[in-house]
Each structure stands twice: as C-alpha cells, then as structure tokens.
Amino acid sequence: RITIQFCGSKKSLANGLPLATVLFPA
C-alpha cells in the first residue's frame, strides 16, 4: 500500500521538462 501510494501519486519533473521542450513551441 505504501508503494502504491508513493509511486502512483508522483509526477516526474525529470521526464516532463525534456518532453515539454520537444512538444511545445519555444
């Protein structure tokens, strides 16, 4: 339950920032 709570509720800044530079206009 602890694993589910922490892994299921988080969002990755490390993945999000690179993806944003690719997907969105500057």
mmCIF file of all heavy atoms, coordinates in Angstrom:
data_MODEL
# 
_entry.id   MODEL 
# 
loop_
_atom_site.group_PDB 
_atom_site.id 
_atom_site.type_symbol 
_atom_site.label_atom_id 
_atom_site.label_alt_id 
_atom_site.label_comp_id 
_atom_site.label_asym_id 
_atom_site.label_entity_id 
_atom_site.label_seq_id 
_atom_site.pdbx_PDB_ins_code 
_atom_site.Cartn_x 
_atom_site.Cartn_y 
_atom_site.Cartn_z 
_atom_site.occupancy 
_atom_site.B_iso_or_equiv 
_atom_site.pdbx_formal_charge 
_atom_site.auth_seq_id 
_atom_site.auth_comp_id 
_atom_site.auth_asym_id 
_atom_site.auth_atom_id 
_atom_site.pdbx_PDB_model_num 
ATOM 1   N N   . ARG A 1 1  ? 0.835  -1.206 0.000   1.00 0.00 ? 1  ARG A N   1 
ATOM 2   C CA  . ARG A 1 1  ? 0.000  0.000  0.000   1.00 0.00 ? 1  ARG A CA  1 
ATOM 3   C C   . ARG A 1 1  ? 0.874  1.262  0.000   1.00 0.00 ? 1  ARG A C   1 
ATOM 4   O O   . ARG A 1 1  ? 0.553  2.248  -0.673  1.00 0.00 ? 1  ARG A O   1 
ATOM 5   C CB  . ARG A 1 1  ? -0.920 0.008  1.225   1.00 0.00 ? 1  ARG A CB  1 
ATOM 6   C CG  . ARG A 1 1  ? -2.005 -1.057 1.188   1.00 0.00 ? 1  ARG A CG  1 
ATOM 7   C CD  . ARG A 1 1  ? -2.893 -0.979 2.404   1.00 0.00 ? 1  ARG A CD  1 
ATOM 8   N NE  . ARG A 1 1  ? -3.708 0.240  2.385   1.00 0.00 ? 1  ARG A NE  1 
ATOM 9   C CZ  . ARG A 1 1  ? -4.423 0.659  3.422   1.00 0.00 ? 1  ARG A CZ  1 
ATOM 10  N NH1 . ARG A 1 1  ? -4.423 -0.028 4.555   1.00 0.00 ? 1  ARG A NH1 1 
ATOM 11  N NH2 . ARG A 1 1  ? -5.145 1.757  3.319   1.00 0.00 ? 1  ARG A NH2 1 
ATOM 12  N N   . ILE A 1 2  ? 1.955  1.209  0.741   1.00 0.00 ? 2  ILE A N   1 
ATOM 13  C CA  . ILE A 1 2  ? 2.894  2.349  0.746   1.00 0.00 ? 2  ILE A CA  1 
ATOM 14  C C   . ILE A 1 2  ? 3.476  2.544  -0.646  1.00 0.00 ? 2  ILE A C   1 
ATOM 15  O O   . ILE A 1 2  ? 3.550  3.672  -1.161  1.00 0.00 ? 2  ILE A O   1 
ATOM 16  C CB  . ILE A 1 2  ? 4.008  2.108  1.783   1.00 0.00 ? 2  ILE A CB  1 
ATOM 17  C CG1 . ILE A 1 2  ? 3.443  2.187  3.193   1.00 0.00 ? 2  ILE A CG1 1 
ATOM 18  C CG2 . ILE A 1 2  ? 5.149  3.109  1.600   1.00 0.00 ? 2  ILE A CG2 1 
ATOM 19  C CD1 . ILE A 1 2  ? 4.425  1.764  4.274   1.00 0.00 ? 2  ILE A CD1 1 
ATOM 20  N N   . THR A 1 3  ? 3.893  1.456  -1.268  1.00 0.00 ? 3  THR A N   1 
ATOM 21  C CA  . THR A 1 3  ? 4.469  1.537  -2.614  1.00 0.00 ? 3  THR A CA  1 
ATOM 22  C C   . THR A 1 3  ? 3.465  2.110  -3.606  1.00 0.00 ? 3  THR A C   1 
ATOM 23  O O   . THR A 1 3  ? 3.799  2.987  -4.414  1.00 0.00 ? 3  THR A O   1 
ATOM 24  C CB  . THR A 1 3  ? 4.911  0.135  -3.075  1.00 0.00 ? 3  THR A CB  1 
ATOM 25  O OG1 . THR A 1 3  ? 5.862  -0.386 -2.143  1.00 0.00 ? 3  THR A OG1 1 
ATOM 26  C CG2 . THR A 1 3  ? 5.540  0.189  -4.459  1.00 0.00 ? 3  THR A CG2 1 
ATOM 27  N N   . ILE A 1 4  ? 2.234  1.634  -3.544  1.00 0.00 ? 4  ILE A N   1 
ATOM 28  C CA  . ILE A 1 4  ? 1.187  2.119  -4.452  1.00 0.00 ? 4  ILE A CA  1 
ATOM 29  C C   . ILE A 1 4  ? 0.942  3.604  -4.237  1.00 0.00 ? 4  ILE A C   1 
ATOM 30  O O   . ILE A 1 4  ? 0.812  4.378  -5.200  1.00 0.00 ? 4  ILE A O   1 
ATOM 31  C CB  . ILE A 1 4  ? -0.106 1.315  -4.247  1.00 0.00 ? 4  ILE A CB  1 
ATOM 32  C CG1 . ILE A 1 4  ? 0.078  -0.120 -4.741  1.00 0.00 ? 4  ILE A CG1 1 
ATOM 33  C CG2 . ILE A 1 4  ? -1.288 1.971  -4.956  1.00 0.00 ? 4  ILE A CG2 1 
ATOM 34  C CD1 . ILE A 1 4  ? -1.011 -1.071 -4.297  1.00 0.00 ? 4  ILE A CD1 1 
ATOM 35  N N   . GLN A 1 5  ? 0.907  4.032  -2.980  1.00 0.00 ? 5  GLN A N   1 
ATOM 36  C CA  . GLN A 1 5  ? 0.606  5.425  -2.697  1.00 0.00 ? 5  GLN A CA  1 
ATOM 37  C C   . GLN A 1 5  ? 1.689  6.362  -3.220  1.00 0.00 ? 5  GLN A C   1 
ATOM 38  O O   . GLN A 1 5  ? 1.386  7.378  -3.851  1.00 0.00 ? 5  GLN A O   1 
ATOM 39  C CB  . GLN A 1 5  ? 0.419  5.627  -1.193  1.00 0.00 ? 5  GLN A CB  1 
ATOM 40  C CG  . GLN A 1 5  ? -0.066 7.027  -0.833  1.00 0.00 ? 5  GLN A CG  1 
ATOM 41  C CD  . GLN A 1 5  ? -0.635 7.097  0.555   1.00 0.00 ? 5  GLN A CD  1 
ATOM 42  O OE1 . GLN A 1 5  ? 0.089  6.872  1.521   1.00 0.00 ? 5  GLN A OE1 1 
ATOM 43  N NE2 . GLN A 1 5  ? -1.925 7.414  0.676   1.00 0.00 ? 5  GLN A NE2 1 
ATOM 44  N N   . PHE A 1 6  ? 2.948  6.024  -2.995  1.00 0.00 ? 6  PHE A N   1 
ATOM 45  C CA  . PHE A 1 6  ? 4.016  6.929  -3.412  1.00 0.00 ? 6  PHE A CA  1 
ATOM 46  C C   . PHE A 1 6  ? 4.314  6.837  -4.909  1.00 0.00 ? 6  PHE A C   1 
ATOM 47  O O   . PHE A 1 6  ? 4.569  7.855  -5.553  1.00 0.00 ? 6  PHE A O   1 
ATOM 48  C CB  . PHE A 1 6  ? 5.288  6.672  -2.590  1.00 0.00 ? 6  PHE A CB  1 
ATOM 49  C CG  . PHE A 1 6  ? 5.188  7.171  -1.183  1.00 0.00 ? 6  PHE A CG  1 
ATOM 50  C CD1 . PHE A 1 6  ? 5.280  6.301  -0.111  1.00 0.00 ? 6  PHE A CD1 1 
ATOM 51  C CD2 . PHE A 1 6  ? 4.970  8.511  -0.923  1.00 0.00 ? 6  PHE A CD2 1 
ATOM 52  C CE1 . PHE A 1 6  ? 5.168  6.764  1.188   1.00 0.00 ? 6  PHE A CE1 1 
ATOM 53  C CE2 . PHE A 1 6  ? 4.851  8.984  0.364   1.00 0.00 ? 6  PHE A CE2 1 
ATOM 54  C CZ  . PHE A 1 6  ? 4.945  8.106  1.428   1.00 0.00 ? 6  PHE A CZ  1 
ATOM 55  N N   . CYS A 1 7  ? 4.282  5.648  -5.474  1.00 0.00 ? 7  CYS A N   1 
ATOM 56  C CA  . CYS A 1 7  ? 4.569  5.520  -6.905  1.00 0.00 ? 7  CYS A CA  1 
ATOM 57  C C   . CYS A 1 7  ? 3.393  5.965  -7.773  1.00 0.00 ? 7  CYS A C   1 
ATOM 58  O O   . CYS A 1 7  ? 3.600  6.426  -8.899  1.00 0.00 ? 7  CYS A O   1 
ATOM 59  C CB  . CYS A 1 7  ? 4.938  4.070  -7.241  1.00 0.00 ? 7  CYS A CB  1 
ATOM 60  S SG  . CYS A 1 7  ? 6.505  3.522  -6.536  1.00 0.00 ? 7  CYS A SG  1 
ATOM 61  N N   . GLY A 1 8  ? 2.172  5.848  -7.259  1.00 0.00 ? 8  GLY A N   1 
ATOM 62  C CA  . GLY A 1 8  ? 1.006  6.196  -8.053  1.00 0.00 ? 8  GLY A CA  1 
ATOM 63  C C   . GLY A 1 8  ? 0.614  7.658  -7.999  1.00 0.00 ? 8  GLY A C   1 
ATOM 64  O O   . GLY A 1 8  ? -0.214 8.107  -8.793  1.00 0.00 ? 8  GLY A O   1 
ATOM 65  N N   . SER A 1 9  ? 1.211  8.425  -7.080  1.00 0.00 ? 9  SER A N   1 
ATOM 66  C CA  . SER A 1 9  ? 0.790  9.814  -6.892  1.00 0.00 ? 9  SER A CA  1 
ATOM 67  C C   . SER A 1 9  ? 1.810  10.835 -7.385  1.00 0.00 ? 9  SER A C   1 
ATOM 68  O O   . SER A 1 9  ? 1.561  12.031 -7.301  1.00 0.00 ? 9  SER A O   1 
ATOM 69  C CB  . SER A 1 9  ? 0.522  10.078 -5.403  1.00 0.00 ? 9  SER A CB  1 
ATOM 70  O OG  . SER A 1 9  ? 1.723  9.937  -4.648  1.00 0.00 ? 9  SER A OG  1 
ATOM 71  N N   . LYS A 1 10 ? 2.942  10.393 -7.896  1.00 0.00 ? 10 LYS A N   1 
ATOM 72  C CA  . LYS A 1 10 ? 4.027  11.306 -8.243  1.00 0.00 ? 10 LYS A CA  1 
ATOM 73  C C   . LYS A 1 10 ? 4.065  11.575 -9.747  1.00 0.00 ? 10 LYS A C   1 
ATOM 74  O O   . LYS A 1 10 ? 3.616  10.766 -10.551 1.00 0.00 ? 10 LYS A O   1 
ATOM 75  C CB  . LYS A 1 10 ? 5.389  10.711 -7.825  1.00 0.00 ? 10 LYS A CB  1 
ATOM 76  C CG  . LYS A 1 10 ? 5.432  10.221 -6.409  1.00 0.00 ? 10 LYS A CG  1 
ATOM 77  C CD  . LYS A 1 10 ? 5.387  11.346 -5.408  1.00 0.00 ? 10 LYS A CD  1 
ATOM 78  C CE  . LYS A 1 10 ? 6.741  11.999 -5.288  1.00 0.00 ? 10 LYS A CE  1 
ATOM 79  N NZ  . LYS A 1 10 ? 7.781  11.005 -4.992  1.00 0.00 ? 10 LYS A NZ  1 
ATOM 80  N N   . LYS A 1 11 ? 4.617  12.732 -10.099 1.00 0.00 ? 11 LYS A N   1 
ATOM 81  C CA  . LYS A 1 11 ? 4.844  13.087 -11.493 1.00 0.00 ? 11 LYS A CA  1 
ATOM 82  C C   . LYS A 1 11 ? 6.300  13.538 -11.646 1.00 0.00 ? 11 LYS A C   1 
ATOM 83  O O   . LYS A 1 11 ? 6.840  14.249 -10.798 1.00 0.00 ? 11 LYS A O   1 
ATOM 84  C CB  . LYS A 1 11 ? 3.891  14.196 -11.944 1.00 0.00 ? 11 LYS A CB  1 
ATOM 85  C CG  . LYS A 1 11 ? 2.451  13.724 -12.090 1.00 0.00 ? 11 LYS A CG  1 
ATOM 86  C CD  . LYS A 1 11 ? 2.296  12.685 -13.190 1.00 0.00 ? 11 LYS A CD  1 
ATOM 87  C CE  . LYS A 1 11 ? 0.878  12.185 -13.320 1.00 0.00 ? 11 LYS A CE  1 
ATOM 88  N NZ  . LYS A 1 11 ? 0.721  11.197 -14.406 1.00 0.00 ? 11 LYS A NZ  1 
ATOM 89  N N   . SER A 1 12 ? 6.910  13.129 -12.754 1.00 0.00 ? 12 SER A N   1 
ATOM 90  C CA  . SER A 1 12 ? 8.349  13.292 -12.928 1.00 0.00 ? 12 SER A CA  1 
ATOM 91  C C   . SER A 1 12 ? 8.721  14.624 -13.576 1.00 0.00 ? 12 SER A C   1 
ATOM 92  O O   . SER A 1 12 ? 8.401  14.877 -14.740 1.00 0.00 ? 12 SER A O   1 
ATOM 93  C CB  . SER A 1 12 ? 8.901  12.142 -13.776 1.00 0.00 ? 12 SER A CB  1 
ATOM 94  O OG  . SER A 1 12 ? 10.272 12.346 -14.061 1.00 0.00 ? 12 SER A OG  1 
ATOM 95  N N   . LEU A 1 13 ? 9.408  15.465 -12.815 1.00 0.00 ? 13 LEU A N   1 
ATOM 96  C CA  . LEU A 1 13 ? 9.965  16.700 -13.363 1.00 0.00 ? 13 LEU A CA  1 
ATOM 97  C C   . LEU A 1 13 ? 11.072 16.381 -14.362 1.00 0.00 ? 13 LEU A C   1 
ATOM 98  O O   . LEU A 1 13 ? 11.194 17.032 -15.405 1.00 0.00 ? 13 LEU A O   1 
ATOM 99  C CB  . LEU A 1 13 ? 10.514 17.564 -12.230 1.00 0.00 ? 13 LEU A CB  1 
ATOM 100 C CG  . LEU A 1 13 ? 11.093 18.934 -12.614 1.00 0.00 ? 13 LEU A CG  1 
ATOM 101 C CD1 . LEU A 1 13 ? 9.981  19.891 -12.998 1.00 0.00 ? 13 LEU A CD1 1 
ATOM 102 C CD2 . LEU A 1 13 ? 11.910 19.519 -11.473 1.00 0.00 ? 13 LEU A CD2 1 
ATOM 103 N N   . ALA A 1 14 ? 11.867 15.348 -14.051 1.00 0.00 ? 14 ALA A N   1 
ATOM 104 C CA  . ALA A 1 14 ? 13.000 14.988 -14.912 1.00 0.00 ? 14 ALA A CA  1 
ATOM 105 C C   . ALA A 1 14 ? 12.536 14.548 -16.302 1.00 0.00 ? 14 ALA A C   1 
ATOM 106 O O   . ALA A 1 14 ? 13.207 14.830 -17.299 1.00 0.00 ? 14 ALA A O   1 
ATOM 107 C CB  . ALA A 1 14 ? 13.822 13.873 -14.260 1.00 0.00 ? 14 ALA A CB  1 
ATOM 108 N N   . ASN A 1 15 ? 11.406 13.851 -16.378 1.00 0.00 ? 15 ASN A N   1 
ATOM 109 C CA  . ASN A 1 15 ? 10.861 13.464 -17.679 1.00 0.00 ? 15 ASN A CA  1 
ATOM 110 C C   . ASN A 1 15 ? 10.050 14.578 -18.317 1.00 0.00 ? 15 ASN A C   1 
ATOM 111 O O   . ASN A 1 15 ? 10.056 14.752 -19.540 1.00 0.00 ? 15 ASN A O   1 
ATOM 112 C CB  . ASN A 1 15 ? 9.976  12.217 -17.532 1.00 0.00 ? 15 ASN A CB  1 
ATOM 113 C CG  . ASN A 1 15 ? 10.759 10.959 -17.272 1.00 0.00 ? 15 ASN A CG  1 
ATOM 114 O OD1 . ASN A 1 15 ? 11.269 10.769 -16.177 1.00 0.00 ? 15 ASN A OD1 1 
ATOM 115 N ND2 . ASN A 1 15 ? 10.855 10.090 -18.252 1.00 0.00 ? 15 ASN A ND2 1 
ATOM 116 N N   . GLY A 1 16 ? 9.349  15.343 -17.496 1.00 0.00 ? 16 GLY A N   1 
ATOM 117 C CA  . GLY A 1 16 ? 8.439  16.347 -18.013 1.00 0.00 ? 16 GLY A CA  1 
ATOM 118 C C   . GLY A 1 16 ? 9.109  17.505 -18.711 1.00 0.00 ? 16 GLY A C   1 
ATOM 119 O O   . GLY A 1 16 ? 8.659  17.955 -19.777 1.00 0.00 ? 16 GLY A O   1 
ATOM 120 N N   . LEU A 1 17 ? 10.215 18.004 -18.135 1.00 0.00 ? 17 LEU A N   1 
ATOM 121 C CA  . LEU A 1 17 ? 10.876 19.160 -18.738 1.00 0.00 ? 17 LEU A CA  1 
ATOM 122 C C   . LEU A 1 17 ? 11.452 18.858 -20.118 1.00 0.00 ? 17 LEU A C   1 
ATOM 123 O O   . LEU A 1 17 ? 11.232 19.633 -21.062 1.00 0.00 ? 17 LEU A O   1 
ATOM 124 C CB  . LEU A 1 17 ? 11.961 19.701 -17.794 1.00 0.00 ? 17 LEU A CB  1 
ATOM 125 C CG  . LEU A 1 17 ? 11.430 20.372 -16.523 1.00 0.00 ? 17 LEU A CG  1 
ATOM 126 C CD1 . LEU A 1 17 ? 12.578 20.768 -15.610 1.00 0.00 ? 17 LEU A CD1 1 
ATOM 127 C CD2 . LEU A 1 17 ? 10.578 21.583 -16.850 1.00 0.00 ? 17 LEU A CD2 1 
ATOM 128 N N   . PRO A 1 18 ? 12.184 17.753 -20.292 1.00 0.00 ? 18 PRO A N   1 
ATOM 129 C CA  . PRO A 1 18 ? 12.650 17.445 -21.649 1.00 0.00 ? 18 PRO A CA  1 
ATOM 130 C C   . PRO A 1 18 ? 11.508 17.246 -22.640 1.00 0.00 ? 18 PRO A C   1 
ATOM 131 O O   . PRO A 1 18 ? 11.587 17.699 -23.785 1.00 0.00 ? 18 PRO A O   1 
ATOM 132 C CB  . PRO A 1 18 ? 13.453 16.150 -21.464 1.00 0.00 ? 18 PRO A CB  1 
ATOM 133 C CG  . PRO A 1 18 ? 13.862 16.159 -20.043 1.00 0.00 ? 18 PRO A CG  1 
ATOM 134 C CD  . PRO A 1 18 ? 12.730 16.803 -19.303 1.00 0.00 ? 18 PRO A CD  1 
ATOM 135 N N   . LEU A 1 19 ? 10.444 16.559 -22.219 1.00 0.00 ? 19 LEU A N   1 
ATOM 136 C CA  . LEU A 1 19 ? 9.311  16.353 -23.114 1.00 0.00 ? 19 LEU A CA  1 
ATOM 137 C C   . LEU A 1 19 ? 8.658  17.674 -23.503 1.00 0.00 ? 19 LEU A C   1 
ATOM 138 O O   . LEU A 1 19 ? 8.259  17.866 -24.650 1.00 0.00 ? 19 LEU A O   1 
ATOM 139 C CB  . LEU A 1 19 ? 8.275  15.443 -22.453 1.00 0.00 ? 19 LEU A CB  1 
ATOM 140 C CG  . LEU A 1 19 ? 8.593  13.943 -22.432 1.00 0.00 ? 19 LEU A CG  1 
ATOM 141 C CD1 . LEU A 1 19 ? 7.624  13.212 -21.516 1.00 0.00 ? 19 LEU A CD1 1 
ATOM 142 C CD2 . LEU A 1 19 ? 8.543  13.357 -23.835 1.00 0.00 ? 19 LEU A CD2 1 
ATOM 143 N N   . ALA A 1 20 ? 8.573  18.595 -22.556 1.00 0.00 ? 20 ALA A N   1 
ATOM 144 C CA  . ALA A 1 20 ? 7.964  19.896 -22.848 1.00 0.00 ? 20 ALA A CA  1 
ATOM 145 C C   . ALA A 1 20 ? 8.749  20.659 -23.896 1.00 0.00 ? 20 ALA A C   1 
ATOM 146 O O   . ALA A 1 20 ? 8.174  21.335 -24.753 1.00 0.00 ? 20 ALA A O   1 
ATOM 147 C CB  . ALA A 1 20 ? 7.839  20.719 -21.565 1.00 0.00 ? 20 ALA A CB  1 
ATOM 148 N N   . THR A 1 21 ? 10.096 20.571 -23.838 1.00 0.00 ? 21 THR A N   1 
ATOM 149 C CA  . THR A 1 21 ? 10.912 21.288 -24.823 1.00 0.00 ? 21 THR A CA  1 
ATOM 150 C C   . THR A 1 21 ? 10.719 20.734 -26.227 1.00 0.00 ? 21 THR A C   1 
ATOM 151 O O   . THR A 1 21 ? 10.963 21.437 -27.212 1.00 0.00 ? 21 THR A O   1 
ATOM 152 C CB  . THR A 1 21 ? 12.404 21.221 -24.451 1.00 0.00 ? 21 THR A CB  1 
ATOM 153 O OG1 . THR A 1 21 ? 12.856 19.862 -24.501 1.00 0.00 ? 21 THR A OG1 1 
ATOM 154 C CG2 . THR A 1 21 ? 12.656 21.779 -23.052 1.00 0.00 ? 21 THR A CG2 1 
ATOM 155 N N   . VAL A 1 22 ? 10.275 19.481 -26.316 1.00 0.00 ? 22 VAL A N   1 
ATOM 156 C CA  . VAL A 1 22 ? 10.051 18.858 -27.617 1.00 0.00 ? 22 VAL A CA  1 
ATOM 157 C C   . VAL A 1 22 ? 8.622  19.094 -28.113 1.00 0.00 ? 22 VAL A C   1 
ATOM 158 O O   . VAL A 1 22 ? 8.400  19.376 -29.295 1.00 0.00 ? 22 VAL A O   1 
ATOM 159 C CB  . VAL A 1 22 ? 10.332 17.338 -27.547 1.00 0.00 ? 22 VAL A CB  1 
ATOM 160 C CG1 . VAL A 1 22 ? 10.028 16.679 -28.880 1.00 0.00 ? 22 VAL A CG1 1 
ATOM 161 C CG2 . VAL A 1 22 ? 11.790 17.091 -27.156 1.00 0.00 ? 22 VAL A CG2 1 
ATOM 162 N N   . LEU A 1 23 ? 7.647  19.012 -27.205 1.00 0.00 ? 23 LEU A N   1 
ATOM 163 C CA  . LEU A 1 23 ? 6.251  19.033 -27.597 1.00 0.00 ? 23 LEU A CA  1 
ATOM 164 C C   . LEU A 1 23 ? 5.672  20.432 -27.790 1.00 0.00 ? 23 LEU A C   1 
ATOM 165 O O   . LEU A 1 23 ? 4.731  20.597 -28.555 1.00 0.00 ? 23 LEU A O   1 
ATOM 166 C CB  . LEU A 1 23 ? 5.400  18.290 -26.555 1.00 0.00 ? 23 LEU A CB  1 
ATOM 167 C CG  . LEU A 1 23 ? 5.626  16.775 -26.438 1.00 0.00 ? 23 LEU A CG  1 
ATOM 168 C CD1 . LEU A 1 23 ? 4.810  16.206 -25.289 1.00 0.00 ? 23 LEU A CD1 1 
ATOM 169 C CD2 . LEU A 1 23 ? 5.247  16.077 -27.739 1.00 0.00 ? 23 LEU A CD2 1 
ATOM 170 N N   . PHE A 1 24 ? 6.221  21.429 -27.093 1.00 0.00 ? 24 PHE A N   1 
ATOM 171 C CA  . PHE A 1 24 ? 5.635  22.770 -27.128 1.00 0.00 ? 24 PHE A CA  1 
ATOM 172 C C   . PHE A 1 24 ? 6.514  23.744 -27.892 1.00 0.00 ? 24 PHE A C   1 
ATOM 173 O O   . PHE A 1 24 ? 7.744  23.611 -27.888 1.00 0.00 ? 24 PHE A O   1 
ATOM 174 C CB  . PHE A 1 24 ? 5.425  23.297 -25.705 1.00 0.00 ? 24 PHE A CB  1 
ATOM 175 C CG  . PHE A 1 24 ? 4.413  22.527 -24.909 1.00 0.00 ? 24 PHE A CG  1 
ATOM 176 C CD1 . PHE A 1 24 ? 4.824  21.550 -24.012 1.00 0.00 ? 24 PHE A CD1 1 
ATOM 177 C CD2 . PHE A 1 24 ? 3.062  22.756 -25.061 1.00 0.00 ? 24 PHE A CD2 1 
ATOM 178 C CE1 . PHE A 1 24 ? 3.912  20.822 -23.269 1.00 0.00 ? 24 PHE A CE1 1 
ATOM 179 C CE2 . PHE A 1 24 ? 2.130  22.030 -24.330 1.00 0.00 ? 24 PHE A CE2 1 
ATOM 180 C CZ  . PHE A 1 24 ? 2.556  21.067 -23.437 1.00 0.00 ? 24 PHE A CZ  1 
ATOM 181 N N   . PRO A 1 25 ? 5.905  24.744 -28.535 1.00 0.00 ? 25 PRO A N   1 
ATOM 182 C CA  . PRO A 1 25 ? 6.696  25.817 -29.154 1.00 0.00 ? 25 PRO A CA  1 
ATOM 183 C C   . PRO A 1 25 ? 7.534  26.526 -28.091 1.00 0.00 ? 25 PRO A C   1 
ATOM 184 O O   . PRO A 1 25 ? 7.160  26.569 -26.914 1.00 0.00 ? 25 PRO A O   1 
ATOM 185 C CB  . PRO A 1 25 ? 5.623  26.758 -29.721 1.00 0.00 ? 25 PRO A CB  1 
ATOM 186 C CG  . PRO A 1 25 ? 4.383  25.937 -29.818 1.00 0.00 ? 25 PRO A CG  1 
ATOM 187 C CD  . PRO A 1 25 ? 4.458  24.921 -28.725 1.00 0.00 ? 25 PRO A CD  1 
ATOM 188 N N   . ALA A 1 26 ? 8.676  27.093 -28.508 1.00 0.00 ? 26 ALA A N   1 
ATOM 189 C CA  . ALA A 1 26 ? 9.608  27.698 -27.556 1.00 0.00 ? 26 ALA A CA  1 
ATOM 190 C C   . ALA A 1 26 ? 8.929  28.725 -26.657 1.00 0.00 ? 26 ALA A C   1 
ATOM 191 O O   . ALA A 1 26 ? 9.163  28.772 -25.445 1.00 0.00 ? 26 ALA A O   1 
ATOM 192 C CB  . ALA A 1 26 ? 10.776 28.345 -28.312 1.00 0.00 ? 26 ALA A CB  1 
# 
